[in-house]
mmCIF file of all heavy atoms, coordinates in Angstrom:
data_MODEL
# 
_entry.id   MODEL 
# 
loop_
_atom_site.group_PDB 
_atom_site.id 
_atom_site.type_symbol 
_atom_site.label_atom_id 
_atom_site.label_alt_id 
_atom_site.label_comp_id 
_atom_site.label_asym_id 
_atom_site.label_entity_id 
_atom_site.label_seq_id 
_atom_site.pdbx_PDB_ins_code 
_atom_site.Cartn_x 
_atom_site.Cartn_y 
_atom_site.Cartn_z 
_atom_site.occupancy 
_atom_site.B_iso_or_equiv 
_atom_site.pdbx_formal_charge 
_atom_site.auth_seq_id 
_atom_site.auth_comp_id 
_atom_site.auth_asym_id 
_atom_site.auth_atom_id 
_atom_site.pdbx_PDB_model_num 
ATOM 1   N N   . GLY A 1 1  ? 0.818   -1.204  0.000   1.00 0.00 ? 1  GLY A N   1 
ATOM 2   C CA  . GLY A 1 1  ? 0.000   0.000   0.000   1.00 0.00 ? 1  GLY A CA  1 
ATOM 3   C C   . GLY A 1 1  ? 0.851   1.252   0.000   1.00 0.00 ? 1  GLY A C   1 
ATOM 4   O O   . GLY A 1 1  ? 0.520   2.251   -0.650  1.00 0.00 ? 1  GLY A O   1 
ATOM 5   N N   . ALA A 1 2  ? 1.963   1.211   0.726   1.00 0.00 ? 2  ALA A N   1 
ATOM 6   C CA  . ALA A 1 2  ? 2.848   2.372   0.784   1.00 0.00 ? 2  ALA A CA  1 
ATOM 7   C C   . ALA A 1 2  ? 3.467   2.669   -0.574  1.00 0.00 ? 2  ALA A C   1 
ATOM 8   O O   . ALA A 1 2  ? 3.631   3.840   -0.958  1.00 0.00 ? 2  ALA A O   1 
ATOM 9   C CB  . ALA A 1 2  ? 3.944   2.136   1.815   1.00 0.00 ? 2  ALA A CB  1 
ATOM 10  N N   . GLU A 1 3  ? 3.797   1.626   -1.322  1.00 0.00 ? 3  GLU A N   1 
ATOM 11  C CA  . GLU A 1 3  ? 4.373   1.824   -2.657  1.00 0.00 ? 3  GLU A CA  1 
ATOM 12  C C   . GLU A 1 3  ? 3.344   2.418   -3.616  1.00 0.00 ? 3  GLU A C   1 
ATOM 13  O O   . GLU A 1 3  ? 3.659   3.316   -4.407  1.00 0.00 ? 3  GLU A O   1 
ATOM 14  C CB  . GLU A 1 3  ? 4.921   0.501   -3.186  1.00 0.00 ? 3  GLU A CB  1 
ATOM 15  C CG  . GLU A 1 3  ? 6.202   0.067   -2.495  1.00 0.00 ? 3  GLU A CG  1 
ATOM 16  C CD  . GLU A 1 3  ? 6.651   -1.323  -2.912  1.00 0.00 ? 3  GLU A CD  1 
ATOM 17  O OE1 . GLU A 1 3  ? 5.855   -2.282  -2.745  1.00 0.00 ? 3  GLU A OE1 1 
ATOM 18  O OE2 . GLU A 1 3  ? 7.787   -1.454  -3.388  1.00 0.00 ? 3  GLU A OE2 1 
ATOM 19  N N   . TRP A 1 4  ? 2.107   1.931   -3.540  1.00 0.00 ? 4  TRP A N   1 
ATOM 20  C CA  . TRP A 1 4  ? 1.052   2.513   -4.384  1.00 0.00 ? 4  TRP A CA  1 
ATOM 21  C C   . TRP A 1 4  ? 0.797   3.961   -3.985  1.00 0.00 ? 4  TRP A C   1 
ATOM 22  O O   . TRP A 1 4  ? 0.576   4.824   -4.838  1.00 0.00 ? 4  TRP A O   1 
ATOM 23  C CB  . TRP A 1 4  ? -0.238  1.704   -4.274  1.00 0.00 ? 4  TRP A CB  1 
ATOM 24  C CG  . TRP A 1 4  ? -0.190  0.347   -4.914  1.00 0.00 ? 4  TRP A CG  1 
ATOM 25  C CD1 . TRP A 1 4  ? -0.215  -0.850  -4.281  1.00 0.00 ? 4  TRP A CD1 1 
ATOM 26  C CD2 . TRP A 1 4  ? -0.115  0.056   -6.323  1.00 0.00 ? 4  TRP A CD2 1 
ATOM 27  N NE1 . TRP A 1 4  ? -0.159  -1.881  -5.201  1.00 0.00 ? 4  TRP A NE1 1 
ATOM 28  C CE2 . TRP A 1 4  ? -0.102  -1.353  -6.457  1.00 0.00 ? 4  TRP A CE2 1 
ATOM 29  C CE3 . TRP A 1 4  ? -0.058  0.846   -7.474  1.00 0.00 ? 4  TRP A CE3 1 
ATOM 30  C CZ2 . TRP A 1 4  ? -0.029  -1.989  -7.696  1.00 0.00 ? 4  TRP A CZ2 1 
ATOM 31  C CZ3 . TRP A 1 4  ? 0.015   0.220   -8.710  1.00 0.00 ? 4  TRP A CZ3 1 
ATOM 32  C CH2 . TRP A 1 4  ? 0.025   -1.174  -8.821  1.00 0.00 ? 4  TRP A CH2 1 
ATOM 33  N N   . GLU A 1 5  ? 0.844   4.241   -2.692  1.00 0.00 ? 5  GLU A N   1 
ATOM 34  C CA  . GLU A 1 5  ? 0.630   5.600   -2.204  1.00 0.00 ? 5  GLU A CA  1 
ATOM 35  C C   . GLU A 1 5  ? 1.651   6.567   -2.790  1.00 0.00 ? 5  GLU A C   1 
ATOM 36  O O   . GLU A 1 5  ? 1.329   7.705   -3.132  1.00 0.00 ? 5  GLU A O   1 
ATOM 37  C CB  . GLU A 1 5  ? 0.725   5.614   -0.672  1.00 0.00 ? 5  GLU A CB  1 
ATOM 38  C CG  . GLU A 1 5  ? 0.514   6.983   -0.032  1.00 0.00 ? 5  GLU A CG  1 
ATOM 39  C CD  . GLU A 1 5  ? -0.910  7.482   -0.159  1.00 0.00 ? 5  GLU A CD  1 
ATOM 40  O OE1 . GLU A 1 5  ? -1.838  6.653   -0.215  1.00 0.00 ? 5  GLU A OE1 1 
ATOM 41  O OE2 . GLU A 1 5  ? -1.088  8.720   -0.194  1.00 0.00 ? 5  GLU A OE2 1 
ATOM 42  N N   . GLY A 1 6  ? 2.880   6.102   -2.915  1.00 0.00 ? 6  GLY A N   1 
ATOM 43  C CA  . GLY A 1 6  ? 3.930   6.969   -3.438  1.00 0.00 ? 6  GLY A CA  1 
ATOM 44  C C   . GLY A 1 6  ? 4.012   7.012   -4.942  1.00 0.00 ? 6  GLY A C   1 
ATOM 45  O O   . GLY A 1 6  ? 4.882   7.705   -5.506  1.00 0.00 ? 6  GLY A O   1 
ATOM 46  N N   . SER A 1 7  ? 3.108   6.281   -5.633  1.00 0.00 ? 7  SER A N   1 
ATOM 47  C CA  . SER A 1 7  ? 3.173   6.200   -7.099  1.00 0.00 ? 7  SER A CA  1 
ATOM 48  C C   . SER A 1 7  ? 1.781   6.371   -7.707  1.00 0.00 ? 7  SER A C   1 
ATOM 49  O O   . SER A 1 7  ? 1.217   5.429   -8.284  1.00 0.00 ? 7  SER A O   1 
ATOM 50  C CB  . SER A 1 7  ? 3.772   4.851   -7.511  1.00 0.00 ? 7  SER A CB  1 
ATOM 51  O OG  . SER A 1 7  ? 4.955   4.572   -6.813  1.00 0.00 ? 7  SER A OG  1 
ATOM 52  N N   . PRO A 1 8  ? 1.201   7.559   -7.596  1.00 0.00 ? 8  PRO A N   1 
ATOM 53  C CA  . PRO A 1 8  ? -0.178  7.764   -8.077  1.00 0.00 ? 8  PRO A CA  1 
ATOM 54  C C   . PRO A 1 8  ? -0.352  7.490   -9.570  1.00 0.00 ? 8  PRO A C   1 
ATOM 55  O O   . PRO A 1 8  ? -1.424  7.038   -9.992  1.00 0.00 ? 8  PRO A O   1 
ATOM 56  C CB  . PRO A 1 8  ? -0.462  9.231   -7.732  1.00 0.00 ? 8  PRO A CB  1 
ATOM 57  C CG  . PRO A 1 8  ? 0.878   9.853   -7.514  1.00 0.00 ? 8  PRO A CG  1 
ATOM 58  C CD  . PRO A 1 8  ? 1.750   8.778   -6.979  1.00 0.00 ? 8  PRO A CD  1 
ATOM 59  N N   . ASP A 1 9  ? 0.672   7.766   -10.381 1.00 0.00 ? 9  ASP A N   1 
ATOM 60  C CA  . ASP A 1 9  ? 0.555   7.491   -11.819 1.00 0.00 ? 9  ASP A CA  1 
ATOM 61  C C   . ASP A 1 9  ? 0.426   5.988   -12.066 1.00 0.00 ? 9  ASP A C   1 
ATOM 62  O O   . ASP A 1 9  ? -0.321  5.555   -12.956 1.00 0.00 ? 9  ASP A O   1 
ATOM 63  C CB  . ASP A 1 9  ? 1.770   8.032   -12.568 1.00 0.00 ? 9  ASP A CB  1 
ATOM 64  C CG  . ASP A 1 9  ? 1.804   9.552   -12.583 1.00 0.00 ? 9  ASP A CG  1 
ATOM 65  O OD1 . ASP A 1 9  ? 0.756   10.177  -12.339 1.00 0.00 ? 9  ASP A OD1 1 
ATOM 66  O OD2 . ASP A 1 9  ? 2.884   10.122  -12.838 1.00 0.00 ? 9  ASP A OD2 1 
ATOM 67  N N   . ALA A 1 10 ? 1.148   5.204   -11.281 1.00 0.00 ? 10 ALA A N   1 
ATOM 68  C CA  . ALA A 1 10 ? 1.069   3.756   -11.416 1.00 0.00 ? 10 ALA A CA  1 
ATOM 69  C C   . ALA A 1 10 ? -0.315  3.255   -11.022 1.00 0.00 ? 10 ALA A C   1 
ATOM 70  O O   . ALA A 1 10 ? -0.841  2.317   -11.632 1.00 0.00 ? 10 ALA A O   1 
ATOM 71  C CB  . ALA A 1 10 ? 2.143   3.087   -10.553 1.00 0.00 ? 10 ALA A CB  1 
ATOM 72  N N   . VAL A 1 11 ? -0.924  3.875   -10.018 1.00 0.00 ? 11 VAL A N   1 
ATOM 73  C CA  . VAL A 1 11 ? -2.269  3.492   -9.589  1.00 0.00 ? 11 VAL A CA  1 
ATOM 74  C C   . VAL A 1 11 ? -3.245  3.626   -10.749 1.00 0.00 ? 11 VAL A C   1 
ATOM 75  O O   . VAL A 1 11 ? -4.018  2.707   -11.059 1.00 0.00 ? 11 VAL A O   1 
ATOM 76  C CB  . VAL A 1 11 ? -2.741  4.358   -8.398  1.00 0.00 ? 11 VAL A CB  1 
ATOM 77  C CG1 . VAL A 1 11 ? -4.236  4.159   -8.147  1.00 0.00 ? 11 VAL A CG1 1 
ATOM 78  C CG2 . VAL A 1 11 ? -1.942  4.012   -7.146  1.00 0.00 ? 11 VAL A CG2 1 
ATOM 79  N N   . THR A 1 12 ? -3.206  4.760   -11.417 1.00 0.00 ? 12 THR A N   1 
ATOM 80  C CA  . THR A 1 12 ? -4.132  5.014   -12.528 1.00 0.00 ? 12 THR A CA  1 
ATOM 81  C C   . THR A 1 12 ? -3.971  3.976   -13.629 1.00 0.00 ? 12 THR A C   1 
ATOM 82  O O   . THR A 1 12 ? -4.951  3.407   -14.125 1.00 0.00 ? 12 THR A O   1 
ATOM 83  C CB  . THR A 1 12 ? -3.890  6.422   -13.097 1.00 0.00 ? 12 THR A CB  1 
ATOM 84  O OG1 . THR A 1 12 ? -4.091  7.388   -12.063 1.00 0.00 ? 12 THR A OG1 1 
ATOM 85  C CG2 . THR A 1 12 ? -4.856  6.708   -14.239 1.00 0.00 ? 12 THR A CG2 1 
ATOM 86  N N   . LEU A 1 13 ? -2.734  3.708   -14.002 1.00 0.00 ? 13 LEU A N   1 
ATOM 87  C CA  . LEU A 1 13 ? -2.468  2.748   -15.079 1.00 0.00 ? 13 LEU A CA  1 
ATOM 88  C C   . LEU A 1 13 ? -2.881  1.338   -14.678 1.00 0.00 ? 13 LEU A C   1 
ATOM 89  O O   . LEU A 1 13 ? -3.481  0.604   -15.469 1.00 0.00 ? 13 LEU A O   1 
ATOM 90  C CB  . LEU A 1 13 ? -0.983  2.766   -15.441 1.00 0.00 ? 13 LEU A CB  1 
ATOM 91  C CG  . LEU A 1 13 ? -0.473  4.056   -16.099 1.00 0.00 ? 13 LEU A CG  1 
ATOM 92  C CD1 . LEU A 1 13 ? 1.049   4.025   -16.209 1.00 0.00 ? 13 LEU A CD1 1 
ATOM 93  C CD2 . LEU A 1 13 ? -1.101  4.238   -17.478 1.00 0.00 ? 13 LEU A CD2 1 
ATOM 94  N N   . ALA A 1 14 ? -2.565  0.964   -13.444 1.00 0.00 ? 14 ALA A N   1 
ATOM 95  C CA  . ALA A 1 14 ? -2.881  -0.388  -12.988 1.00 0.00 ? 14 ALA A CA  1 
ATOM 96  C C   . ALA A 1 14 ? -4.391  -0.611  -12.907 1.00 0.00 ? 14 ALA A C   1 
ATOM 97  O O   . ALA A 1 14 ? -4.887  -1.667  -13.310 1.00 0.00 ? 14 ALA A O   1 
ATOM 98  C CB  . ALA A 1 14 ? -2.231  -0.643  -11.635 1.00 0.00 ? 14 ALA A CB  1 
ATOM 99  N N   . ILE A 1 15 ? -5.105  0.363   -12.386 1.00 0.00 ? 15 ILE A N   1 
ATOM 100 C CA  . ILE A 1 15 ? -6.557  0.220   -12.251 1.00 0.00 ? 15 ILE A CA  1 
ATOM 101 C C   . ILE A 1 15 ? -7.204  0.027   -13.620 1.00 0.00 ? 15 ILE A C   1 
ATOM 102 O O   . ILE A 1 15 ? -8.070  -0.845  -13.805 1.00 0.00 ? 15 ILE A O   1 
ATOM 103 C CB  . ILE A 1 15 ? -7.164  1.451   -11.547 1.00 0.00 ? 15 ILE A CB  1 
ATOM 104 C CG1 . ILE A 1 15 ? -6.789  1.454   -10.061 1.00 0.00 ? 15 ILE A CG1 1 
ATOM 105 C CG2 . ILE A 1 15 ? -8.675  1.471   -11.693 1.00 0.00 ? 15 ILE A CG2 1 
ATOM 106 C CD1 . ILE A 1 15 ? -7.371  0.314   -9.266  1.00 0.00 ? 15 ILE A CD1 1 
ATOM 107 N N   . GLU A 1 16 ? -6.801  0.812   -14.582 1.00 0.00 ? 16 GLU A N   1 
ATOM 108 C CA  . GLU A 1 16 ? -7.364  0.686   -15.932 1.00 0.00 ? 16 GLU A CA  1 
ATOM 109 C C   . GLU A 1 16 ? -7.132  -0.716  -16.483 1.00 0.00 ? 16 GLU A C   1 
ATOM 110 O O   . GLU A 1 16 ? -8.030  -1.342  -17.063 1.00 0.00 ? 16 GLU A O   1 
ATOM 111 C CB  . GLU A 1 16 ? -6.744  1.730   -16.858 1.00 0.00 ? 16 GLU A CB  1 
ATOM 112 C CG  . GLU A 1 16 ? -7.153  3.169   -16.532 1.00 0.00 ? 16 GLU A CG  1 
ATOM 113 C CD  . GLU A 1 16 ? -6.431  4.184   -17.397 1.00 0.00 ? 16 GLU A CD  1 
ATOM 114 O OE1 . GLU A 1 16 ? -5.551  3.762   -18.183 1.00 0.00 ? 16 GLU A OE1 1 
ATOM 115 O OE2 . GLU A 1 16 ? -6.746  5.385   -17.296 1.00 0.00 ? 16 GLU A OE2 1 
ATOM 116 N N   . ALA A 1 17 ? -5.900  -1.225  -16.294 1.00 0.00 ? 17 ALA A N   1 
ATOM 117 C CA  . ALA A 1 17 ? -5.572  -2.551  -16.820 1.00 0.00 ? 17 ALA A CA  1 
ATOM 118 C C   . ALA A 1 17 ? -6.326  -3.645  -16.077 1.00 0.00 ? 17 ALA A C   1 
ATOM 119 O O   . ALA A 1 17 ? -6.805  -4.614  -16.686 1.00 0.00 ? 17 ALA A O   1 
ATOM 120 C CB  . ALA A 1 17 ? -4.066  -2.780  -16.713 1.00 0.00 ? 17 ALA A CB  1 
ATOM 121 N N   . LEU A 1 18 ? -6.454  -3.508  -14.759 1.00 0.00 ? 18 LEU A N   1 
ATOM 122 C CA  . LEU A 1 18 ? -7.127  -4.536  -13.973 1.00 0.00 ? 18 LEU A CA  1 
ATOM 123 C C   . LEU A 1 18 ? -8.617  -4.601  -14.297 1.00 0.00 ? 18 LEU A C   1 
ATOM 124 O O   . LEU A 1 18 ? -9.201  -5.681  -14.362 1.00 0.00 ? 18 LEU A O   1 
ATOM 125 C CB  . LEU A 1 18 ? -6.923  -4.260  -12.477 1.00 0.00 ? 18 LEU A CB  1 
ATOM 126 C CG  . LEU A 1 18 ? -5.495  -4.470  -11.966 1.00 0.00 ? 18 LEU A CG  1 
ATOM 127 C CD1 . LEU A 1 18 ? -5.364  -3.959  -10.539 1.00 0.00 ? 18 LEU A CD1 1 
ATOM 128 C CD2 . LEU A 1 18 ? -5.114  -5.938  -12.039 1.00 0.00 ? 18 LEU A CD2 1 
ATOM 129 N N   . ILE A 1 19 ? -9.230  -3.460  -14.490 1.00 0.00 ? 19 ILE A N   1 
ATOM 130 C CA  . ILE A 1 19 ? -10.654 -3.451  -14.833 1.00 0.00 ? 19 ILE A CA  1 
ATOM 131 C C   . ILE A 1 19 ? -10.864 -4.052  -16.221 1.00 0.00 ? 19 ILE A C   1 
ATOM 132 O O   . ILE A 1 19 ? -11.809 -4.819  -16.439 1.00 0.00 ? 19 ILE A O   1 
ATOM 133 C CB  . ILE A 1 19 ? -11.219 -2.023  -14.751 1.00 0.00 ? 19 ILE A CB  1 
ATOM 134 C CG1 . ILE A 1 19 ? -11.264 -1.585  -13.276 1.00 0.00 ? 19 ILE A CG1 1 
ATOM 135 C CG2 . ILE A 1 19 ? -12.615 -1.958  -15.368 1.00 0.00 ? 19 ILE A CG2 1 
ATOM 136 C CD1 . ILE A 1 19 ? -11.756 -0.182  -13.067 1.00 0.00 ? 19 ILE A CD1 1 
ATOM 137 N N   . ARG A 1 20 ? -9.968  -3.751  -17.151 1.00 0.00 ? 20 ARG A N   1 
ATOM 138 C CA  . ARG A 1 20 ? -10.068 -4.354  -18.483 1.00 0.00 ? 20 ARG A CA  1 
ATOM 139 C C   . ARG A 1 20 ? -9.918  -5.871  -18.393 1.00 0.00 ? 20 ARG A C   1 
ATOM 140 O O   . ARG A 1 20 ? -10.624 -6.614  -19.066 1.00 0.00 ? 20 ARG A O   1 
ATOM 141 C CB  . ARG A 1 20 ? -8.985  -3.791  -19.416 1.00 0.00 ? 20 ARG A CB  1 
ATOM 142 C CG  . ARG A 1 20 ? -9.265  -2.417  -19.964 1.00 0.00 ? 20 ARG A CG  1 
ATOM 143 C CD  . ARG A 1 20 ? -8.425  -2.144  -21.210 1.00 0.00 ? 20 ARG A CD  1 
ATOM 144 N NE  . ARG A 1 20 ? -6.998  -2.316  -20.950 1.00 0.00 ? 20 ARG A NE  1 
ATOM 145 C CZ  . ARG A 1 20 ? -6.188  -1.367  -20.505 1.00 0.00 ? 20 ARG A CZ  1 
ATOM 146 N NH1 . ARG A 1 20 ? -6.675  -0.159  -20.237 1.00 0.00 ? 20 ARG A NH1 1 
ATOM 147 N NH2 . ARG A 1 20 ? -4.905  -1.596  -20.313 1.00 0.00 ? 20 ARG A NH2 1 
ATOM 148 N N   . SER A 1 21 ? -9.010  -6.331  -17.556 1.00 0.00 ? 21 SER A N   1 
ATOM 149 C CA  . SER A 1 21 ? -8.777  -7.774  -17.446 1.00 0.00 ? 21 SER A CA  1 
ATOM 150 C C   . SER A 1 21 ? -9.970  -8.484  -16.824 1.00 0.00 ? 21 SER A C   1 
ATOM 151 O O   . SER A 1 21 ? -10.177 -9.677  -17.056 1.00 0.00 ? 21 SER A O   1 
ATOM 152 C CB  . SER A 1 21 ? -7.519  -8.048  -16.614 1.00 0.00 ? 21 SER A CB  1 
ATOM 153 O OG  . SER A 1 21 ? -7.731  -7.761  -15.243 1.00 0.00 ? 21 SER A OG  1 
ATOM 154 N N   . GLY A 1 22 ? -10.760 -7.781  -16.041 1.00 0.00 ? 22 GLY A N   1 
ATOM 155 C CA  . GLY A 1 22 ? -11.927 -8.381  -15.412 1.00 0.00 ? 22 GLY A CA  1 
ATOM 156 C C   . GLY A 1 22 ? -13.181 -8.299  -16.247 1.00 0.00 ? 22 GLY A C   1 
ATOM 157 O O   . GLY A 1 22 ? -14.225 -8.825  -15.861 1.00 0.00 ? 22 GLY A O   1 
ATOM 158 N N   . ASP A 1 23 ? -13.088 -7.639  -17.404 1.00 0.00 ? 23 ASP A N   1 
ATOM 159 C CA  . ASP A 1 23 ? -14.258 -7.457  -18.270 1.00 0.00 ? 23 ASP A CA  1 
ATOM 160 C C   . ASP A 1 23 ? -14.343 -8.614  -19.254 1.00 0.00 ? 23 ASP A C   1 
ATOM 161 O O   . ASP A 1 23 ? -13.577 -8.694  -20.211 1.00 0.00 ? 23 ASP A O   1 
ATOM 162 C CB  . ASP A 1 23 ? -14.150 -6.123  -19.012 1.00 0.00 ? 23 ASP A CB  1 
ATOM 163 C CG  . ASP A 1 23 ? -15.415 -5.790  -19.784 1.00 0.00 ? 23 ASP A CG  1 
ATOM 164 O OD1 . ASP A 1 23 ? -16.309 -6.656  -19.857 1.00 0.00 ? 23 ASP A OD1 1 
ATOM 165 O OD2 . ASP A 1 23 ? -15.501 -4.664  -20.306 1.00 0.00 ? 23 ASP A OD2 1 
ATOM 166 N N   . ARG A 1 24 ? -15.258 -9.542  -19.033 1.00 0.00 ? 24 ARG A N   1 
ATOM 167 C CA  . ARG A 1 24 ? -15.380 -10.704 -19.916 1.00 0.00 ? 24 ARG A CA  1 
ATOM 168 C C   . ARG A 1 24 ? -15.792 -10.328 -21.328 1.00 0.00 ? 24 ARG A C   1 
ATOM 169 O O   . ARG A 1 24 ? -15.610 -11.093 -22.267 1.00 0.00 ? 24 ARG A O   1 
ATOM 170 C CB  . ARG A 1 24 ? -16.370 -11.704 -19.317 1.00 0.00 ? 24 ARG A CB  1 
ATOM 171 C CG  . ARG A 1 24 ? -15.783 -12.455 -18.147 1.00 0.00 ? 24 ARG A CG  1 
ATOM 172 C CD  . ARG A 1 24 ? -16.810 -13.367 -17.494 1.00 0.00 ? 24 ARG A CD  1 
ATOM 173 N NE  . ARG A 1 24 ? -16.186 -14.246 -16.531 1.00 0.00 ? 24 ARG A NE  1 
ATOM 174 C CZ  . ARG A 1 24 ? -15.723 -13.855 -15.351 1.00 0.00 ? 24 ARG A CZ  1 
ATOM 175 N NH1 . ARG A 1 24 ? -15.822 -12.583 -15.001 1.00 0.00 ? 24 ARG A NH1 1 
ATOM 176 N NH2 . ARG A 1 24 ? -15.148 -14.712 -14.525 1.00 0.00 ? 24 ARG A NH2 1 
ATOM 177 N N   . ARG A 1 25 ? -16.307 -9.131  -21.489 1.00 0.00 ? 25 ARG A N   1 
ATOM 178 C CA  . ARG A 1 25 ? -16.707 -8.698  -22.831 1.00 0.00 ? 25 ARG A CA  1 
ATOM 179 C C   . ARG A 1 25 ? -15.490 -8.436  -23.706 1.00 0.00 ? 25 ARG A C   1 
ATOM 180 O O   . ARG A 1 25 ? -15.587 -8.307  -24.924 1.00 0.00 ? 25 ARG A O   1 
ATOM 181 C CB  . ARG A 1 25 ? -17.553 -7.428  -22.737 1.00 0.00 ? 25 ARG A CB  1 
ATOM 182 C CG  . ARG A 1 25 ? -18.903 -7.652  -22.068 1.00 0.00 ? 25 ARG A CG  1 
ATOM 183 C CD  . ARG A 1 25 ? -19.604 -6.346  -21.793 1.00 0.00 ? 25 ARG A CD  1 
ATOM 184 N NE  . ARG A 1 25 ? -18.834 -5.514  -20.889 1.00 0.00 ? 25 ARG A NE  1 
ATOM 185 C CZ  . ARG A 1 25 ? -19.222 -4.298  -20.484 1.00 0.00 ? 25 ARG A CZ  1 
ATOM 186 N NH1 . ARG A 1 25 ? -20.367 -3.808  -20.908 1.00 0.00 ? 25 ARG A NH1 1 
ATOM 187 N NH2 . ARG A 1 25 ? -18.466 -3.601  -19.655 1.00 0.00 ? 25 ARG A NH2 1 
# 
């Protein structure tokens, strides 16, 4: 959590990719 806290740009990129990976469509 501390690493994500210090890397907000990485959070944005990771969230987008994770949501895409969870989209069965």
